[in-house]
Every structure is written in C-alpha cells, then in structure tokens.
N, C-alpha and C. Protein backbone atom coordinates (compact mmCIF):
# COMPACT_ATOMS: atom_id res chain seq x y z
N MET A 1 12.16 57.98 -21.01
CA MET A 1 12.65 58.53 -19.81
C MET A 1 14.17 58.51 -19.84
N PRO A 2 14.74 59.59 -19.31
CA PRO A 2 16.29 59.79 -19.40
C PRO A 2 16.95 58.60 -18.64
N ARG A 3 18.03 58.15 -19.04
CA ARG A 3 18.90 57.11 -18.60
C ARG A 3 19.14 57.40 -17.11
N ILE A 4 19.38 58.61 -16.63
CA ILE A 4 19.79 58.90 -15.14
C ILE A 4 18.42 58.64 -14.30
N THR A 5 17.34 59.05 -14.86
CA THR A 5 16.14 58.81 -14.05
C THR A 5 15.84 57.34 -13.90
N VAL A 6 16.05 56.48 -14.87
CA VAL A 6 15.85 55.14 -14.84
C VAL A 6 16.90 54.78 -13.87
N GLU A 7 18.06 55.05 -13.95
CA GLU A 7 19.15 54.43 -12.93
C GLU A 7 18.83 54.83 -11.48
N MET A 8 18.30 56.14 -11.44
CA MET A 8 17.96 56.54 -10.11
C MET A 8 16.68 55.93 -9.44
N ASN A 9 15.76 55.59 -10.31
CA ASN A 9 14.43 54.76 -9.92
C ASN A 9 15.12 53.47 -9.43
N GLU A 10 15.84 52.77 -10.11
CA GLU A 10 16.40 51.42 -9.81
C GLU A 10 17.03 51.44 -8.46
N ILE A 11 17.91 52.44 -8.13
CA ILE A 11 18.57 52.47 -6.89
C ILE A 11 17.53 52.88 -5.80
N LEU A 12 16.56 53.67 -6.03
CA LEU A 12 15.56 54.02 -5.06
C LEU A 12 14.72 52.75 -4.72
N ALA A 13 14.42 52.02 -5.89
CA ALA A 13 13.57 50.81 -5.73
C ALA A 13 14.31 49.73 -4.69
N ALA A 14 15.60 49.67 -4.97
CA ALA A 14 16.45 48.68 -4.32
C ALA A 14 16.44 49.08 -2.82
N GLN A 15 16.39 50.42 -2.46
CA GLN A 15 16.41 50.80 -1.29
C GLN A 15 15.08 50.97 -0.50
N GLY A 16 14.01 50.50 -1.22
CA GLY A 16 12.69 50.68 -0.87
C GLY A 16 12.21 52.06 -0.66
N LEU A 17 12.72 52.93 -1.47
CA LEU A 17 12.42 54.34 -1.37
C LEU A 17 11.79 54.84 -2.59
N ALA A 18 11.32 54.02 -3.67
CA ALA A 18 10.64 54.46 -4.79
C ALA A 18 9.23 54.90 -4.49
N ASP A 19 8.76 55.93 -5.10
CA ASP A 19 7.38 56.31 -4.94
C ASP A 19 6.76 56.82 -6.33
N SER A 20 5.96 56.10 -6.91
CA SER A 20 5.49 56.48 -8.38
C SER A 20 4.50 57.46 -8.22
N THR A 21 4.06 57.99 -6.96
CA THR A 21 3.07 59.22 -6.93
C THR A 21 3.88 60.39 -6.95
N LYS A 22 5.27 60.45 -6.89
CA LYS A 22 6.02 61.65 -6.76
C LYS A 22 7.01 61.74 -7.79
N THR A 23 7.42 63.11 -8.26
CA THR A 23 8.45 63.20 -9.07
C THR A 23 9.70 63.03 -8.54
N MET A 24 10.76 62.88 -9.37
CA MET A 24 12.07 62.59 -8.95
C MET A 24 12.51 63.66 -8.01
N GLY A 25 12.11 64.92 -8.45
CA GLY A 25 12.61 66.08 -7.76
C GLY A 25 11.84 66.13 -6.41
N GLU A 26 10.66 65.65 -6.08
CA GLU A 26 10.05 65.59 -5.01
C GLU A 26 10.72 64.51 -3.98
N ILE A 27 10.96 63.43 -4.49
CA ILE A 27 11.58 62.32 -3.85
C ILE A 27 12.98 62.83 -3.36
N MET A 28 13.90 63.50 -4.19
CA MET A 28 15.00 63.98 -3.77
C MET A 28 14.88 65.08 -2.65
N GLN A 29 14.09 65.82 -2.81
CA GLN A 29 13.73 66.94 -1.80
C GLN A 29 13.54 66.25 -0.43
N ALA A 30 12.58 65.24 -0.45
CA ALA A 30 12.27 64.57 0.84
C ALA A 30 13.46 63.87 1.39
N LEU A 31 14.39 63.21 0.51
CA LEU A 31 15.50 62.60 1.07
C LEU A 31 16.56 63.53 1.72
N ASN A 32 16.52 64.69 1.03
CA ASN A 32 17.34 65.80 1.57
C ASN A 32 16.93 66.31 2.98
N LYS A 33 15.79 65.94 3.50
CA LYS A 33 15.40 66.30 4.86
C LYS A 33 15.37 65.02 5.72
N ASP A 34 15.64 63.94 5.18
CA ASP A 34 15.60 62.69 6.01
C ASP A 34 16.94 62.63 6.84
N GLU A 35 16.75 62.56 8.18
CA GLU A 35 18.02 62.45 9.07
C GLU A 35 18.81 61.39 8.67
N ARG A 36 18.37 60.31 8.12
CA ARG A 36 19.40 59.18 7.83
C ARG A 36 20.44 59.47 6.93
N PHE A 37 20.13 60.57 5.91
CA PHE A 37 20.92 60.95 4.97
C PHE A 37 21.68 62.22 5.15
N LEU A 38 21.69 62.75 6.41
CA LEU A 38 22.20 64.12 6.72
C LEU A 38 23.41 63.95 7.64
N TYR A 39 24.43 64.91 7.58
CA TYR A 39 25.36 64.81 8.50
C TYR A 39 25.02 65.65 9.72
N PRO A 40 25.54 65.42 10.91
CA PRO A 40 25.21 66.20 12.03
C PRO A 40 25.71 67.54 11.85
N LYS A 41 24.94 68.52 12.52
CA LYS A 41 25.34 69.91 12.43
C LYS A 41 26.51 70.05 13.22
N GLY A 42 27.34 71.27 12.90
CA GLY A 42 28.40 71.64 13.70
C GLY A 42 29.73 70.94 13.28
N ASP A 43 30.67 71.01 14.13
CA ASP A 43 32.15 70.61 13.87
C ASP A 43 32.13 69.14 13.50
N GLU A 44 31.47 68.29 14.29
CA GLU A 44 31.38 66.82 14.15
C GLU A 44 30.88 66.61 12.68
N GLY A 45 29.75 67.11 12.23
CA GLY A 45 29.38 66.84 10.78
C GLY A 45 30.28 67.42 9.88
N ARG A 46 30.87 68.48 10.02
CA ARG A 46 31.87 69.07 9.17
C ARG A 46 33.05 68.19 8.85
N GLN A 47 33.51 67.67 9.97
CA GLN A 47 34.68 66.73 9.93
C GLN A 47 34.35 65.43 9.27
N MET A 48 33.12 64.90 9.34
CA MET A 48 32.65 63.72 8.76
C MET A 48 32.58 63.94 7.30
N ILE A 49 32.06 65.26 6.89
CA ILE A 49 32.01 65.55 5.39
C ILE A 49 33.38 65.55 4.72
N ILE A 50 34.29 66.13 5.48
CA ILE A 50 35.80 66.16 5.05
C ILE A 50 36.23 64.87 4.84
N GLU A 51 36.12 63.86 5.73
CA GLU A 51 36.69 62.60 5.84
C GLU A 51 36.02 61.83 4.60
N ASP A 52 34.76 61.88 4.52
CA ASP A 52 33.93 61.23 3.40
C ASP A 52 34.60 61.67 1.98
N PHE A 53 34.73 63.00 1.85
CA PHE A 53 35.32 63.56 0.62
C PHE A 53 36.66 62.97 0.35
N ARG A 54 37.40 63.10 1.39
CA ARG A 54 38.83 62.38 1.31
C ARG A 54 38.83 61.06 0.89
N ILE A 55 37.97 60.20 1.37
CA ILE A 55 37.93 58.85 0.99
C ILE A 55 37.55 58.66 -0.50
N GLU A 56 36.50 59.35 -0.80
CA GLU A 56 36.04 59.36 -2.18
C GLU A 56 37.04 59.74 -3.23
N ASN A 57 37.79 60.83 -2.90
CA ASN A 57 38.84 61.43 -3.74
C ASN A 57 39.95 60.34 -3.76
N GLN A 58 40.29 59.62 -2.66
CA GLN A 58 41.33 58.48 -2.77
C GLN A 58 40.86 57.36 -3.65
N SER A 59 39.64 57.02 -3.48
CA SER A 59 39.04 55.92 -4.32
C SER A 59 38.95 56.20 -5.88
N LYS A 60 38.78 57.51 -6.08
CA LYS A 60 38.78 57.94 -7.62
C LYS A 60 40.09 57.98 -8.13
N ALA A 61 41.09 58.37 -7.24
CA ALA A 61 42.43 58.45 -7.63
C ALA A 61 43.02 57.09 -7.97
N LYS A 62 42.56 56.10 -7.19
CA LYS A 62 43.10 54.62 -7.31
C LYS A 62 42.48 54.04 -8.61
N ALA A 63 41.21 54.55 -8.92
CA ALA A 63 40.56 54.12 -10.16
C ALA A 63 40.94 54.79 -11.37
N GLY A 64 41.82 55.83 -11.19
CA GLY A 64 42.35 56.57 -12.32
C GLY A 64 41.26 57.47 -12.81
N ARG A 65 40.45 57.94 -12.10
CA ARG A 65 39.47 58.97 -12.58
C ARG A 65 39.81 60.42 -12.09
C-alpha cells in the first residue's frame, strides 16, 4: 500500500473516520460533503478561507518551507 494511503488511514482512524468497506476516494468524497469540514457559503466562508491560508502560509514561512 502506498505510504500516503497508510498515513491517511492512520489519520482517519485516529479521527474515527476509517471505513474498510470503502476506497480512499470514496471516503474523501464523503468528507468533501460533510458540513463539519466545509466553509460556509458566501462572503463569510471566503473570508475564513483567506484567513486560514494566510495563517498556513505564515506557519510555513516560519518553518522555512
């Protein structure tokens, strides 16, 4: 099994989201529809996305990546 799949399975299992009856693609598609993992629609959601990307970029810059 590819390393990335193993790591993704470990993360999903730790979050209680692993499902051995589904492919990784099916699991990711289901997560993409789960409201817990989506930004709100409209201006509020867009602003949240921009802020999250800004924070992530700052973290990467501090880590030298």
